[in-house]
Amino acid sequence: MINLDWFQPYDGTFYSIRVIYAAICNLPRDIQFKCENLLILGLLPVLNEVSLHKINHYIALIVNELELLWSGITLNRTFECQNGKNIRVALVLILCDIPAAQKICGHISALVSYHRCMKRANYEDHQHNFAGMEDMKNWFITRDLTEHCQNALAWQSCNSTNSKKNFISEKGVKWSELLQLPYFDPIRFIIVDPMHCLFLGIARWIMKRIWIDESVLTPNDLKKIQEKMNQFKILADLG
């Protein structure tokens, strides 16, 4: 899995560095994110917000390596296979906060649209919001991967900055070098951001303030949800 994140290397300054790093999903979860097991793939030492156009220059180099690994390579020797072993590697998850994940996968800003379905934000009082569930049947539809890739290629062929801006405003898609990977799915491979959605309470806020307080879910719906939750078996080391 790949993550794009920001951090401040110095105290008392607003200077930040972007880092692209990877974790190996095959490792046991308790050691998966230890520093010695993370792979630093790129550093972006810039002061301001980085556009996808600039990030793509870094991603292209990573994609070149991932394409080679997807075809397969031979390791001369491993701990368990002293005579060598053939391996293949695939990028299967994008684990970032939602703005970063949508950016590197070529989606429009998370303030405007969601990457999994056709829901688009309303624009009222000079701000975007995702209010309104009464027309759910019109947008609660999974985005189509083929259409996404076609739109990304069409955006790439736009010959001016204005035409590209107009295109992404209409289609919500732009080109990402990750689409060079034959198996990559920018719709399904972005996973839920656990820090913001779970630990900081966004999911709880949506459930209470929108789905319950606005009567989107009835008491009977909540009872069915609770019955399903009671069947879940949570791993002891989760959270």
Protein backbone atom coordinates (compact mmCIF):
# COMPACT_ATOMS: atom_id res chain seq x y z
CA MET A 1 0.00 0.00 0.00
CA ILE A 2 1.09 3.58 -0.63
CA ASN A 3 0.62 6.67 1.50
CA LEU A 4 1.18 10.35 0.72
CA ASP A 5 1.47 12.46 3.85
CA TRP A 6 2.73 15.83 5.10
CA PHE A 7 4.92 16.52 8.12
CA GLN A 8 6.89 19.41 9.61
CA PRO A 9 10.56 18.48 10.11
CA TYR A 10 11.30 21.52 12.31
CA ASP A 11 9.67 23.10 15.35
CA GLY A 12 8.35 26.67 15.17
CA THR A 13 8.00 26.80 11.38
CA PHE A 14 5.33 26.25 8.76
CA TYR A 15 7.73 24.52 6.38
CA SER A 16 6.43 21.05 5.53
CA ILE A 17 7.68 18.10 3.53
CA ARG A 18 5.56 15.64 1.59
CA VAL A 19 6.62 12.01 1.72
CA ILE A 20 5.46 9.07 -0.36
CA TYR A 21 5.99 5.79 1.44
CA ALA A 22 4.84 2.19 1.11
CA ALA A 23 4.00 -0.62 3.51
CA ILE A 24 4.13 -4.33 2.69
CA CYS A 25 0.70 -5.87 3.22
CA ASN A 26 2.08 -9.42 3.48
CA LEU A 27 3.83 -8.61 6.75
CA PRO A 28 2.03 -9.34 10.04
CA ARG A 29 0.00 -6.32 11.11
CA ASP A 30 1.92 -5.78 14.34
CA ILE A 31 5.15 -5.06 12.41
CA GLN A 32 3.68 -3.75 9.16
CA PHE A 33 4.13 -0.07 10.03
CA LYS A 34 7.35 -0.23 12.02
CA CYS A 35 9.87 2.30 10.71
CA GLU A 36 12.33 -0.39 9.65
CA ASN A 37 9.68 -2.03 7.44
CA LEU A 38 8.42 1.09 5.63
CA LEU A 39 9.71 1.95 2.17
CA ILE A 40 10.40 5.65 1.49
CA LEU A 41 9.54 6.12 -2.19
CA GLY A 42 9.84 9.88 -2.56
CA LEU A 43 10.25 13.24 -0.79
CA LEU A 44 8.58 16.41 -2.08
CA PRO A 45 10.37 19.39 -0.45
CA VAL A 46 8.02 22.22 -1.44
CA LEU A 47 6.48 25.08 0.52
CA ASN A 48 2.99 25.17 -0.97
CA GLU A 49 0.29 22.66 -1.84
CA VAL A 50 1.53 20.28 -4.53
CA SER A 51 -0.52 19.83 -7.69
CA LEU A 52 -1.11 16.38 -9.18
CA HIS A 53 0.85 17.52 -12.25
CA LYS A 54 3.97 17.86 -10.09
CA ILE A 55 3.30 14.73 -8.04
CA ASN A 56 2.94 12.74 -11.26
CA HIS A 57 6.65 13.25 -11.97
CA TYR A 58 7.44 11.37 -8.77
CA ILE A 59 4.70 8.77 -9.23
CA ALA A 60 5.89 7.96 -12.76
CA LEU A 61 9.23 6.72 -11.40
CA ILE A 62 7.46 4.61 -8.79
CA VAL A 63 5.10 3.19 -11.41
CA ASN A 64 8.05 2.14 -13.58
CA GLU A 65 9.33 0.01 -10.70
CA LEU A 66 5.86 -1.35 -9.91
CA GLU A 67 5.36 -2.42 -13.52
CA LEU A 68 8.60 -4.40 -13.36
CA LEU A 69 7.59 -5.97 -10.04
CA TRP A 70 4.14 -6.84 -11.41
CA SER A 71 5.78 -8.80 -14.24
CA GLY A 72 7.85 -10.63 -11.64
CA ILE A 73 11.47 -10.71 -10.52
CA THR A 74 13.74 -13.38 -9.08
CA LEU A 75 15.46 -12.93 -5.73
CA ASN A 76 18.74 -14.79 -5.56
CA ARG A 77 18.14 -15.89 -2.00
CA THR A 78 15.72 -15.27 0.86
CA PHE A 79 15.69 -16.41 4.48
CA GLU A 80 13.27 -19.25 3.71
CA CYS A 81 14.35 -19.93 0.11
CA GLN A 82 18.11 -20.31 -0.05
CA ASN A 83 17.96 -21.24 -3.74
CA GLY A 84 16.06 -18.11 -4.72
CA LYS A 85 12.41 -17.22 -5.19
CA ASN A 86 10.24 -15.64 -7.87
CA ILE A 87 8.05 -12.82 -6.54
CA ARG A 88 5.42 -10.45 -7.89
CA VAL A 89 4.33 -7.18 -6.31
CA ALA A 90 1.15 -5.15 -6.80
CA LEU A 91 -0.12 -1.86 -5.42
CA VAL A 92 -3.49 -2.76 -3.93
CA LEU A 93 -4.30 0.06 -1.48
CA ILE A 94 -4.06 3.85 -1.27
CA LEU A 95 -3.95 4.73 2.43
CA CYS A 96 -4.04 8.53 2.80
CA ASP A 97 -6.43 11.12 4.11
CA ILE A 98 -9.24 11.71 1.61
CA PRO A 99 -7.83 14.90 -0.03
CA ALA A 100 -4.43 13.29 -0.67
CA ALA A 101 -5.93 9.98 -1.84
CA GLN A 102 -8.28 11.66 -4.30
CA LYS A 103 -5.46 13.84 -5.58
CA ILE A 104 -2.92 11.14 -6.38
CA CYS A 105 -5.61 8.92 -7.92
CA GLY A 106 -6.80 11.67 -10.27
CA HIS A 107 -10.15 12.57 -8.70
CA ILE A 108 -11.49 16.09 -8.31
CA SER A 109 -11.22 17.71 -4.87
CA ALA A 110 -13.00 15.91 -2.03
CA LEU A 111 -14.84 19.19 -1.37
CA VAL A 112 -16.63 18.82 -4.71
CA SER A 113 -17.28 15.14 -5.30
CA TYR A 114 -16.85 11.68 -3.82
CA HIS A 115 -14.63 9.12 -5.55
CA ARG A 116 -16.81 6.03 -5.04
CA CYS A 117 -20.23 7.19 -6.21
CA MET A 118 -21.85 9.93 -8.30
CA LYS A 119 -22.64 12.25 -5.36
CA ARG A 120 -21.53 15.85 -5.96
CA ALA A 121 -21.51 18.66 -3.43
CA ASN A 122 -23.95 21.54 -3.46
CA TYR A 123 -22.49 25.04 -3.57
CA GLU A 124 -24.32 27.48 -1.33
CA ASP A 125 -23.17 30.62 0.52
CA HIS A 126 -19.74 30.33 -1.09
CA GLN A 127 -19.06 26.88 0.33
CA HIS A 128 -19.47 23.26 -0.70
CA ASN A 129 -21.66 20.84 1.24
CA PHE A 130 -22.98 17.32 0.69
CA ALA A 131 -26.41 17.89 2.21
CA GLY A 132 -29.44 16.26 0.65
CA MET A 133 -30.30 12.56 0.68
CA GLU A 134 -33.74 12.66 -0.92
CA ASP A 135 -32.31 12.07 -4.41
CA MET A 136 -30.05 9.20 -3.31
CA LYS A 137 -31.31 6.91 -6.07
CA ASN A 138 -29.82 9.31 -8.64
CA TRP A 139 -26.27 9.30 -7.29
CA PHE A 140 -25.83 6.23 -5.06
CA ILE A 141 -24.23 4.44 -8.01
CA THR A 142 -20.69 3.08 -8.11
CA ARG A 143 -18.46 4.97 -10.53
CA ASP A 144 -17.44 3.06 -13.64
CA LEU A 145 -13.72 2.25 -13.96
CA THR A 146 -13.72 2.20 -17.76
CA GLU A 147 -15.42 5.59 -17.93
CA HIS A 148 -12.98 6.98 -15.35
CA CYS A 149 -9.96 5.87 -17.41
CA GLN A 150 -11.45 7.23 -20.62
CA ASN A 151 -12.10 10.60 -18.97
CA ALA A 152 -8.56 10.67 -17.54
CA LEU A 153 -7.12 10.16 -21.03
CA ALA A 154 -9.47 12.81 -22.42
CA TRP A 155 -8.31 15.28 -19.74
CA GLN A 156 -4.71 14.53 -20.66
CA SER A 157 -5.42 15.42 -24.29
CA CYS A 158 -6.87 18.86 -23.42
CA ASN A 159 -4.51 21.42 -24.95
CA SER A 160 -4.89 24.36 -22.56
CA THR A 161 -5.08 25.05 -18.83
CA ASN A 162 -8.61 26.44 -19.12
CA SER A 163 -9.87 23.45 -21.08
CA LYS A 164 -8.42 21.10 -18.46
CA LYS A 165 -10.08 23.07 -15.64
CA ASN A 166 -13.42 23.02 -17.44
CA PHE A 167 -13.09 19.31 -18.15
CA ILE A 168 -12.40 18.31 -14.56
CA SER A 169 -15.22 20.56 -13.33
CA GLU A 170 -17.58 18.62 -15.60
CA LYS A 171 -16.20 15.07 -15.33
CA GLY A 172 -14.41 15.15 -11.97
CA VAL A 173 -11.37 13.27 -13.32
CA LYS A 174 -7.81 14.03 -14.37
CA TRP A 175 -4.81 11.95 -15.32
CA SER A 176 -2.74 10.11 -12.70
CA GLU A 177 0.37 8.12 -13.52
CA LEU A 178 -1.01 5.33 -11.33
CA LEU A 179 -3.39 4.55 -14.20
CA GLN A 180 -0.41 3.17 -16.11
CA LEU A 181 -0.62 0.10 -13.88
CA PRO A 182 -2.83 -2.42 -15.74
CA TYR A 183 -4.60 -3.62 -12.58
CA PHE A 184 -5.00 -0.31 -10.72
CA ASP A 185 -8.52 0.74 -9.76
CA PRO A 186 -8.66 4.37 -8.51
CA ILE A 187 -12.25 3.87 -7.38
CA ARG A 188 -11.94 0.71 -5.26
CA PHE A 189 -8.32 0.94 -4.08
CA ILE A 190 -8.83 4.06 -1.91
CA ILE A 191 -9.71 2.81 1.55
CA VAL A 192 -11.48 4.55 4.43
CA ASP A 193 -9.27 7.07 6.22
CA PRO A 194 -9.37 5.62 9.76
CA MET A 195 -7.85 8.58 11.62
CA HIS A 196 -10.39 11.17 10.48
CA CYS A 197 -13.40 8.94 9.84
CA LEU A 198 -13.15 6.80 12.97
CA PHE A 199 -10.74 8.12 15.60
CA LEU A 200 -11.74 11.80 15.13
CA GLY A 201 -15.44 10.97 14.95
CA ILE A 202 -16.56 11.98 11.44
CA ALA A 203 -18.48 8.72 10.93
CA ARG A 204 -20.18 9.14 14.32
CA TRP A 205 -21.10 12.76 13.49
CA ILE A 206 -22.64 11.76 10.14
CA MET A 207 -24.56 8.91 11.73
CA LYS A 208 -26.00 11.08 14.50
CA ARG A 209 -26.45 14.53 12.93
CA ILE A 210 -27.57 13.48 9.45
CA TRP A 211 -28.86 9.92 9.34
CA ILE A 212 -30.59 9.88 12.74
CA ASP A 213 -31.47 13.52 13.50
CA GLU A 214 -32.74 14.07 9.94
CA SER A 215 -34.74 10.80 10.10
CA VAL A 216 -32.94 9.24 7.15
CA LEU A 217 -32.76 6.07 9.25
CA THR A 218 -35.88 4.87 11.06
CA PRO A 219 -35.84 3.10 14.45
CA ASN A 220 -36.43 -0.15 12.57
CA ASP A 221 -33.41 0.56 10.35
CA LEU A 222 -31.27 1.17 13.44
CA LYS A 223 -32.46 -2.10 14.95
CA LYS A 224 -31.40 -3.99 11.82
CA ILE A 225 -28.01 -2.25 11.84
CA GLN A 226 -27.48 -3.19 15.49
CA GLU A 227 -28.38 -6.82 14.76
CA LYS A 228 -25.73 -6.94 12.04
CA MET A 229 -23.16 -5.24 14.28
CA ASN A 230 -23.78 -7.83 16.99
CA GLN A 231 -22.62 -10.49 14.53
CA PHE A 232 -19.25 -8.83 13.94
CA LYS A 233 -16.18 -10.41 15.48
CA ILE A 234 -13.57 -7.70 16.03
CA LEU A 235 -9.92 -8.74 16.16
CA ALA A 236 -8.35 -8.27 19.59
CA ASP A 237 -5.55 -6.02 18.31
CA LEU A 238 -7.77 -3.76 16.19
CA GLY A 239 -7.72 -0.15 17.39
